[in-house]
Amino acid sequence: MELGTNNSISFSFSDYEKNKPFREVLPWIGGDLQTLRDTFVIDFGKSIKNKKIFFPINKILSKKFESDYLLGFLELPENLNSLKGFVIVTHGLGGSTKRFGLRRISRKLANNGFGVLKLNLRGSGSARYLAKGNYCARCSSDVISAINYFKKLINLEFKDLMKRNNNLPIYGVGLSLGGTILLNACLDDNENKGEKLLDGLACVSTPLDLSSCSLCIEKPRNSIYQKWLLHRLKNQLWEGFNDEGKLLDNEKLRIKIRNLKSIREFDQKFTAPSWGFNSLEDYYIKASPIFRIRNSIKKLPLMLFIHAKDDPWVPYKDTLNLRKESIDKFTIFITEKGGHNGFHSINGCWSDEVVKNWFMSI
């Protein structure tokens, strides 16, 4: 395992990770089975407490509010008196708060004293009917609005706890593209009196260069993955246009959606233009954090990156190369195995455990 050690993190955390490296467990051997494991397994776990929260957001590319909302679910630990902070968790491409991996890490964090906000991005999951359009890798206006709204909400609802604990930290966890989205939001945020958007951010299997990820998912060996992801994206798109009444008498639009053959084509015809990008290439460059991190490191909180070399979807080298940028701000774990957002070991999900321990150490 290769790692970059953050100087601000306690020695005990670094030592713990050195002594507990990731090891695959049968039958989830290899990057593909590690990646697919959560799709095959039924989640019988139950959340402790869930509170539904609606986050008002403006119309895409506008400062006007037209009754669009994001939907989040706040899961609280049983003992609020020992609350350690709050964590906002975002899902990946074509996902939602219903995804097994997102629910699992949320439960782990809640069971260890954190309040966890599971956030559906624009148009995803059970929040499809609440907003027009769909999220993209740089939907920062949505995410920044939601996080600022959440900060105000917890300062009102947990006023005494916040005072008693000298303002509890607010962290973020981005799974896959969710990490790209939170990272872009941190880079795009106009800091309020030096206050960062988040106090810490953990990114698991996160794309930093969208173009290289696009080329990777289009490899012949990944054709089944691409069809599976594209099916979810097309359904999300179809349901959105259907809710808006745009499909009923528009055969041309229906054919356009049905004929989509790749994620690249989906981004070119729908994602990029709907978010104001001039072209697919313009979108992939401007929404890839790797091209902005160097000049905006001061805007970023402490960060944890976890990535596997055998990730079949997202190349790991961009994450590895971050060591050259700011060794004192980034903690980077590159494992030989683990797949894409997998890391399934004999003791459960290794990356979930790493993220939990990292939050408790910073």
Protein backbone atom coordinates (compact mmCIF):
# COMPACT_ATOMS: atom_id res chain seq x y z
CA MET A 1 0.00 0.00 0.00
CA GLU A 2 1.29 3.45 -0.92
CA LEU A 3 0.36 6.39 1.26
CA GLY A 4 1.00 10.04 1.72
CA THR A 5 0.85 11.04 5.38
CA ASN A 6 -0.78 14.27 6.49
CA ASN A 7 1.46 16.04 9.01
CA SER A 8 -1.58 17.44 10.85
CA ILE A 9 -2.99 13.97 11.52
CA SER A 10 -1.95 12.25 14.69
CA PHE A 11 0.74 9.60 14.59
CA SER A 12 -1.69 7.06 16.04
CA PHE A 13 -3.93 7.30 12.96
CA SER A 14 -1.03 6.84 10.54
CA ASP A 15 0.29 3.95 12.60
CA TYR A 16 -3.17 2.33 12.72
CA GLU A 17 -3.44 2.36 8.93
CA LYS A 18 0.05 0.95 8.45
CA ASN A 19 -0.82 -1.94 10.74
CA LYS A 20 -4.23 -2.62 9.16
CA PRO A 21 -3.74 -2.60 5.38
CA PHE A 22 -6.60 -3.58 3.09
CA ARG A 23 -6.93 -7.28 2.24
CA GLU A 24 -9.59 -8.77 -0.03
CA VAL A 25 -11.94 -11.41 1.31
CA LEU A 26 -13.47 -14.38 -0.50
CA PRO A 27 -15.47 -14.48 -2.71
CA TRP A 28 -14.86 -10.81 -3.58
CA ILE A 29 -11.47 -11.28 -5.21
CA GLY A 30 -10.37 -8.86 -7.93
CA GLY A 31 -11.38 -5.34 -8.86
CA ASP A 32 -14.60 -6.33 -10.65
CA LEU A 33 -16.10 -8.42 -7.84
CA GLN A 34 -15.04 -5.80 -5.28
CA THR A 35 -16.86 -3.19 -7.40
CA LEU A 36 -20.03 -5.25 -7.85
CA ARG A 37 -20.33 -6.70 -4.35
CA ASP A 38 -22.80 -4.08 -3.05
CA THR A 39 -25.05 -4.72 -6.06
CA PHE A 40 -25.30 -8.43 -5.24
CA VAL A 41 -25.78 -8.14 -1.48
CA ILE A 42 -29.10 -7.25 0.19
CA ASP A 43 -28.90 -4.58 2.88
CA PHE A 44 -30.84 -5.68 5.96
CA GLY A 45 -29.48 -2.89 8.17
CA LYS A 46 -31.72 -0.18 9.52
CA SER A 47 -30.97 3.47 10.12
CA ILE A 48 -31.24 4.77 13.68
CA LYS A 49 -33.29 7.92 13.10
CA ASN A 50 -34.03 9.62 9.81
CA LYS A 51 -35.30 13.17 9.39
CA LYS A 52 -36.33 14.31 5.91
CA ILE A 53 -34.98 17.74 4.93
CA PHE A 54 -35.83 19.76 1.80
CA PHE A 55 -33.09 22.11 0.58
CA PRO A 56 -34.21 25.03 -1.62
CA ILE A 57 -31.99 25.53 -4.68
CA ASN A 58 -32.11 27.98 -7.57
CA LYS A 59 -32.91 27.09 -11.15
CA ILE A 60 -29.85 25.83 -13.06
CA LEU A 61 -27.71 28.77 -14.31
CA SER A 62 -29.99 31.26 -12.56
CA LYS A 63 -30.28 33.16 -9.30
CA LYS A 64 -34.04 32.67 -9.38
CA PHE A 65 -35.79 30.25 -7.04
CA GLU A 66 -38.49 28.33 -8.90
CA SER A 67 -39.45 25.79 -6.24
CA ASP A 68 -36.61 23.34 -6.91
CA TYR A 69 -35.34 21.33 -3.96
CA LEU A 70 -32.73 18.75 -3.03
CA LEU A 71 -33.78 16.01 -0.63
CA GLY A 72 -31.68 14.87 2.29
CA PHE A 73 -32.11 12.45 5.17
CA LEU A 74 -30.52 13.31 8.51
CA GLU A 75 -29.50 10.28 10.56
CA LEU A 76 -28.63 11.04 14.18
CA PRO A 77 -26.76 9.01 16.79
CA GLU A 78 -28.74 7.71 19.74
CA ASN A 79 -26.82 9.81 22.27
CA LEU A 80 -26.86 13.42 21.11
CA ASN A 81 -24.92 14.55 24.16
CA SER A 82 -21.81 12.87 22.74
CA LEU A 83 -22.32 14.22 19.22
CA LYS A 84 -18.91 14.51 17.52
CA GLY A 85 -19.98 16.52 14.47
CA PHE A 86 -21.94 16.26 11.23
CA VAL A 87 -21.07 14.51 7.97
CA ILE A 88 -22.64 15.16 4.55
CA VAL A 89 -22.52 12.07 2.31
CA THR A 90 -23.05 12.26 -1.46
CA HIS A 91 -23.56 9.45 -3.97
CA GLY A 92 -21.98 8.69 -7.33
CA LEU A 93 -23.10 8.63 -10.97
CA GLY A 94 -26.66 7.37 -11.41
CA GLY A 95 -26.91 6.74 -7.68
CA SER A 96 -28.97 8.07 -4.78
CA THR A 97 -29.28 7.78 -1.01
CA LYS A 98 -30.80 4.34 -1.59
CA ARG A 99 -27.44 2.87 -2.58
CA PHE A 100 -26.13 0.21 -0.20
CA GLY A 101 -22.64 1.65 0.16
CA LEU A 102 -23.93 5.10 1.05
CA ARG A 103 -26.34 3.74 3.66
CA ARG A 104 -23.63 1.51 5.15
CA ILE A 105 -21.03 4.23 5.71
CA SER A 106 -23.78 6.53 7.04
CA ARG A 107 -24.79 3.94 9.64
CA LYS A 108 -21.17 3.42 10.68
CA LEU A 109 -20.67 7.15 11.20
CA ALA A 110 -23.97 7.55 13.07
CA ASN A 111 -23.11 4.56 15.29
CA ASN A 112 -19.86 6.33 16.15
CA GLY A 113 -21.37 9.62 17.25
CA PHE A 114 -21.82 11.64 14.04
CA GLY A 115 -24.97 13.20 12.67
CA VAL A 116 -25.10 12.15 9.00
CA LEU A 117 -26.87 13.96 6.18
CA LYS A 118 -27.45 11.63 3.22
CA LEU A 119 -27.94 13.99 0.29
CA ASN A 120 -29.73 13.23 -2.98
CA LEU A 121 -28.30 15.40 -5.73
CA ARG A 122 -30.55 17.22 -8.24
CA GLY A 123 -32.98 14.81 -9.87
CA SER A 124 -31.70 11.65 -8.18
CA GLY A 125 -33.58 8.88 -6.42
CA SER A 126 -36.69 9.79 -4.47
CA ALA A 127 -35.91 13.49 -5.09
CA ARG A 128 -36.54 13.19 -8.84
CA TYR A 129 -39.88 15.05 -8.65
CA LEU A 130 -38.47 17.92 -6.57
CA ALA A 131 -36.27 19.64 -9.16
CA LYS A 132 -35.98 20.21 -12.89
CA GLY A 133 -32.85 18.89 -14.58
CA ASN A 134 -30.08 16.64 -13.31
CA TYR A 135 -26.85 17.10 -11.38
CA CYS A 136 -23.42 17.22 -13.00
CA ALA A 137 -19.84 16.90 -11.76
CA ARG A 138 -19.74 20.64 -11.11
CA CYS A 139 -23.20 21.43 -9.75
CA SER A 140 -21.56 23.62 -7.10
CA SER A 141 -24.40 26.14 -6.88
CA ASP A 142 -26.75 23.37 -5.70
CA VAL A 143 -24.30 21.85 -3.25
CA ILE A 144 -23.07 25.13 -1.73
CA SER A 145 -26.69 26.27 -1.22
CA ALA A 146 -27.58 22.98 0.46
CA ILE A 147 -24.53 23.00 2.77
CA ASN A 148 -25.08 26.63 3.82
CA TYR A 149 -28.77 25.89 4.46
CA PHE A 150 -27.77 22.85 6.52
CA LYS A 151 -25.34 24.94 8.59
CA LYS A 152 -28.10 27.40 9.46
CA LEU A 153 -30.48 24.55 10.26
CA ILE A 154 -28.18 22.77 12.70
CA ASN A 155 -27.21 26.06 14.35
CA LEU A 156 -30.92 26.56 15.08
CA GLU A 157 -31.92 22.99 15.97
CA PHE A 158 -28.75 22.07 17.86
CA LYS A 159 -28.02 25.49 19.29
CA ASP A 160 -27.06 24.33 22.79
CA LEU A 161 -24.93 21.45 21.52
CA MET A 162 -23.08 23.72 19.09
CA LYS A 163 -22.34 26.22 21.88
CA ARG A 164 -21.30 23.55 24.35
CA ASN A 165 -18.91 21.98 21.84
CA ASN A 166 -17.56 25.27 20.47
CA ASN A 167 -19.22 24.71 17.06
CA LEU A 168 -19.19 21.10 15.95
CA PRO A 169 -17.31 20.34 12.70
CA ILE A 170 -19.08 19.61 9.42
CA TYR A 171 -17.33 17.04 7.25
CA GLY A 172 -18.05 15.58 3.82
CA VAL A 173 -17.82 12.12 2.30
CA GLY A 174 -17.96 11.78 -1.48
CA LEU A 175 -18.36 8.33 -2.95
CA SER A 176 -17.06 8.15 -6.53
CA LEU A 177 -18.46 11.16 -8.48
CA GLY A 178 -19.92 12.45 -5.20
CA GLY A 179 -16.34 13.24 -4.19
CA THR A 180 -15.77 15.18 -7.41
CA ILE A 181 -18.93 17.19 -6.73
CA LEU A 182 -18.01 18.05 -3.13
CA LEU A 183 -14.42 18.85 -4.12
CA ASN A 184 -15.63 21.21 -6.87
CA ALA A 185 -18.03 22.86 -4.42
CA CYS A 186 -15.14 23.55 -2.02
CA LEU A 187 -13.11 25.02 -4.88
CA ASP A 188 -16.02 27.18 -6.07
CA ASP A 189 -17.12 28.44 -2.67
CA ASN A 190 -16.52 32.09 -1.84
CA GLU A 191 -15.21 31.73 1.68
CA ASN A 192 -17.11 33.61 4.34
CA LYS A 193 -14.56 35.39 6.56
CA GLY A 194 -12.04 32.64 5.92
CA GLU A 195 -14.51 29.88 6.83
CA LYS A 196 -14.20 26.87 4.53
CA LEU A 197 -17.27 25.12 3.16
CA LEU A 198 -16.32 21.91 5.00
CA ASP A 199 -13.94 21.13 7.87
CA GLY A 200 -12.72 17.92 6.25
CA LEU A 201 -13.51 15.93 3.11
CA ALA A 202 -13.01 12.22 2.40
CA CYS A 203 -13.12 11.08 -1.24
CA VAL A 204 -13.40 7.38 -2.06
CA SER A 205 -12.68 6.22 -5.64
CA THR A 206 -13.20 9.78 -6.84
CA PRO A 207 -12.68 10.90 -10.48
CA LEU A 208 -10.35 13.90 -10.66
CA ASP A 209 -10.06 13.99 -14.47
CA LEU A 210 -13.38 13.30 -16.21
CA SER A 211 -11.82 12.80 -19.62
CA SER A 212 -9.53 9.99 -18.46
CA CYS A 213 -12.49 8.37 -16.68
CA SER A 214 -14.58 8.60 -19.83
CA LEU A 215 -11.85 6.86 -21.84
CA CYS A 216 -11.53 4.20 -19.14
CA ILE A 217 -15.24 3.33 -18.99
CA GLU A 218 -15.30 3.03 -22.79
CA LYS A 219 -12.73 0.24 -22.84
CA PRO A 220 -14.21 -2.99 -24.32
CA ARG A 221 -13.77 -4.79 -20.96
CA ASN A 222 -16.07 -2.18 -19.36
CA SER A 223 -18.93 -2.39 -21.87
CA ILE A 224 -21.28 -4.10 -19.41
CA TYR A 225 -20.52 -1.47 -16.75
CA GLN A 226 -21.24 1.33 -19.21
CA LYS A 227 -24.57 -0.21 -20.30
CA TRP A 228 -25.58 -0.63 -16.67
CA LEU A 229 -24.67 2.96 -15.70
CA LEU A 230 -26.22 4.39 -18.87
CA HIS A 231 -29.47 2.53 -18.20
CA ARG A 232 -29.71 4.23 -14.80
CA LEU A 233 -28.89 7.65 -16.28
CA LYS A 234 -31.45 7.28 -19.08
CA ASN A 235 -34.15 6.32 -16.56
CA GLN A 236 -33.27 9.35 -14.45
CA LEU A 237 -33.46 11.59 -17.53
CA TRP A 238 -36.67 10.01 -18.79
CA GLU A 239 -38.44 10.37 -15.43
CA GLY A 240 -37.38 14.01 -15.18
CA PHE A 241 -38.66 14.99 -18.62
CA ASN A 242 -41.81 12.96 -17.99
CA ASP A 243 -42.50 14.85 -14.74
CA GLU A 244 -42.08 18.12 -16.63
CA GLY A 245 -44.55 16.97 -19.31
CA LYS A 246 -41.92 17.17 -22.08
CA LEU A 247 -42.15 13.58 -23.33
CA LEU A 248 -45.85 13.18 -24.08
CA ASP A 249 -45.88 14.90 -27.48
CA ASN A 250 -42.17 14.90 -28.24
CA GLU A 251 -41.21 11.77 -30.17
CA LYS A 252 -37.91 13.38 -31.20
CA LEU A 253 -36.83 13.71 -27.55
CA ARG A 254 -37.91 10.17 -26.75
CA ILE A 255 -35.84 8.81 -29.64
CA LYS A 256 -32.86 10.98 -28.61
CA ILE A 257 -32.87 9.45 -25.11
CA ARG A 258 -33.44 5.88 -26.30
CA ASN A 259 -30.61 6.11 -28.84
CA LEU A 260 -27.93 7.16 -26.35
CA LYS A 261 -25.06 4.66 -26.63
CA SER A 262 -22.47 5.90 -24.12
CA ILE A 263 -21.97 8.06 -21.03
CA ARG A 264 -19.85 10.35 -23.20
CA GLU A 265 -22.80 10.86 -25.56
CA PHE A 266 -25.12 11.41 -22.58
CA ASP A 267 -22.81 14.14 -21.28
CA GLN A 268 -22.41 15.69 -24.74
CA LYS A 269 -26.13 15.88 -25.54
CA PHE A 270 -27.63 16.52 -22.12
CA THR A 271 -25.26 17.21 -19.20
CA ALA A 272 -22.90 19.75 -20.78
CA PRO A 273 -25.51 21.97 -22.49
CA SER A 274 -27.94 21.93 -19.57
CA TRP A 275 -25.23 23.30 -17.24
CA GLY A 276 -23.99 25.97 -19.68
CA PHE A 277 -20.79 24.33 -20.92
CA ASN A 278 -19.81 25.07 -24.52
CA SER A 279 -19.01 21.47 -25.43
CA LEU A 280 -18.26 18.06 -23.98
CA GLU A 281 -14.55 18.92 -23.80
CA ASP A 282 -15.34 22.24 -22.09
CA TYR A 283 -17.40 20.36 -19.48
CA TYR A 284 -14.79 17.69 -18.86
CA ILE A 285 -12.01 20.25 -18.41
CA LYS A 286 -13.91 22.73 -16.24
CA ALA A 287 -15.54 20.07 -14.05
CA SER A 288 -12.31 18.14 -13.42
CA PRO A 289 -10.85 19.23 -10.05
CA ILE A 290 -7.34 18.12 -11.01
CA PHE A 291 -6.88 21.22 -13.17
CA ARG A 292 -7.83 23.65 -10.38
CA ILE A 293 -6.45 22.15 -7.19
CA ARG A 294 -2.93 23.58 -7.52
CA ASN A 295 -4.10 27.21 -7.71
CA SER A 296 -6.83 26.89 -5.09
CA ILE A 297 -5.37 24.63 -2.40
CA LYS A 298 -6.02 27.28 0.26
CA LYS A 299 -9.77 26.89 -0.29
CA LEU A 300 -9.68 23.18 0.47
CA PRO A 301 -10.12 21.61 3.91
CA LEU A 302 -8.04 18.70 5.17
CA MET A 303 -8.63 15.87 2.71
CA LEU A 304 -8.50 12.09 2.65
CA PHE A 305 -8.28 10.23 -0.68
CA ILE A 306 -8.75 6.47 -0.94
CA HIS A 307 -8.24 4.75 -4.30
CA ALA A 308 -7.43 1.25 -5.55
CA LYS A 309 -4.99 0.49 -8.36
CA ASP A 310 -7.42 -2.12 -9.74
CA ASP A 311 -10.36 0.31 -9.94
CA PRO A 312 -11.97 -0.64 -13.29
CA TRP A 313 -13.76 2.71 -13.74
CA VAL A 314 -11.50 5.48 -12.46
CA PRO A 315 -7.70 5.57 -13.05
CA TYR A 316 -5.78 5.98 -9.79
CA LYS A 317 -2.75 7.95 -11.03
CA ASP A 318 -4.39 11.39 -10.77
CA THR A 319 -5.03 10.70 -7.09
CA LEU A 320 -1.49 9.44 -6.58
CA ASN A 321 -0.06 12.57 -8.26
CA LEU A 322 -1.78 14.79 -5.69
CA ARG A 323 1.13 14.06 -3.36
CA LYS A 324 3.13 16.58 -5.34
CA GLU A 325 0.66 19.35 -4.52
CA SER A 326 0.24 19.67 -0.74
CA ILE A 327 1.51 16.85 1.41
CA ASP A 328 0.48 18.64 4.62
CA LYS A 329 -3.18 18.93 3.57
CA PHE A 330 -3.81 15.64 1.76
CA THR A 331 -3.81 12.14 3.21
CA ILE A 332 -3.64 9.66 0.34
CA PHE A 333 -4.10 5.88 0.48
CA ILE A 334 -3.50 3.94 -2.73
CA THR A 335 -4.17 0.22 -2.30
CA GLU A 336 -3.22 -2.57 -4.69
CA LYS A 337 -6.75 -4.03 -4.52
CA GLY A 338 -10.26 -2.80 -3.72
CA GLY A 339 -12.00 -2.09 -7.03
CA HIS A 340 -14.26 0.93 -7.45
CA ASN A 341 -15.76 1.98 -4.13
CA GLY A 342 -15.38 -1.60 -2.91
CA PHE A 343 -12.68 -2.34 -0.29
CA HIS A 344 -14.59 -5.33 1.14
CA SER A 345 -12.52 -7.13 3.75
CA ILE A 346 -13.10 -9.82 6.35
CA ASN A 347 -14.01 -7.09 8.87
CA GLY A 348 -16.48 -5.30 6.59
CA CYS A 349 -15.79 -2.31 4.37
CA TRP A 350 -12.20 -1.19 4.98
CA SER A 351 -12.66 2.27 3.44
CA ASP A 352 -15.67 2.99 5.69
CA GLU A 353 -13.51 2.21 8.71
CA VAL A 354 -10.64 4.38 7.43
CA VAL A 355 -12.98 7.35 6.86
CA LYS A 356 -14.53 7.00 10.32
CA ASN A 357 -11.14 6.83 12.03
CA TRP A 358 -9.82 9.77 10.02
CA PHE A 359 -12.73 12.00 11.05
CA MET A 360 -12.21 11.02 14.67
CA SER A 361 -8.51 11.94 14.43
CA ILE A 362 -8.66 15.41 12.85
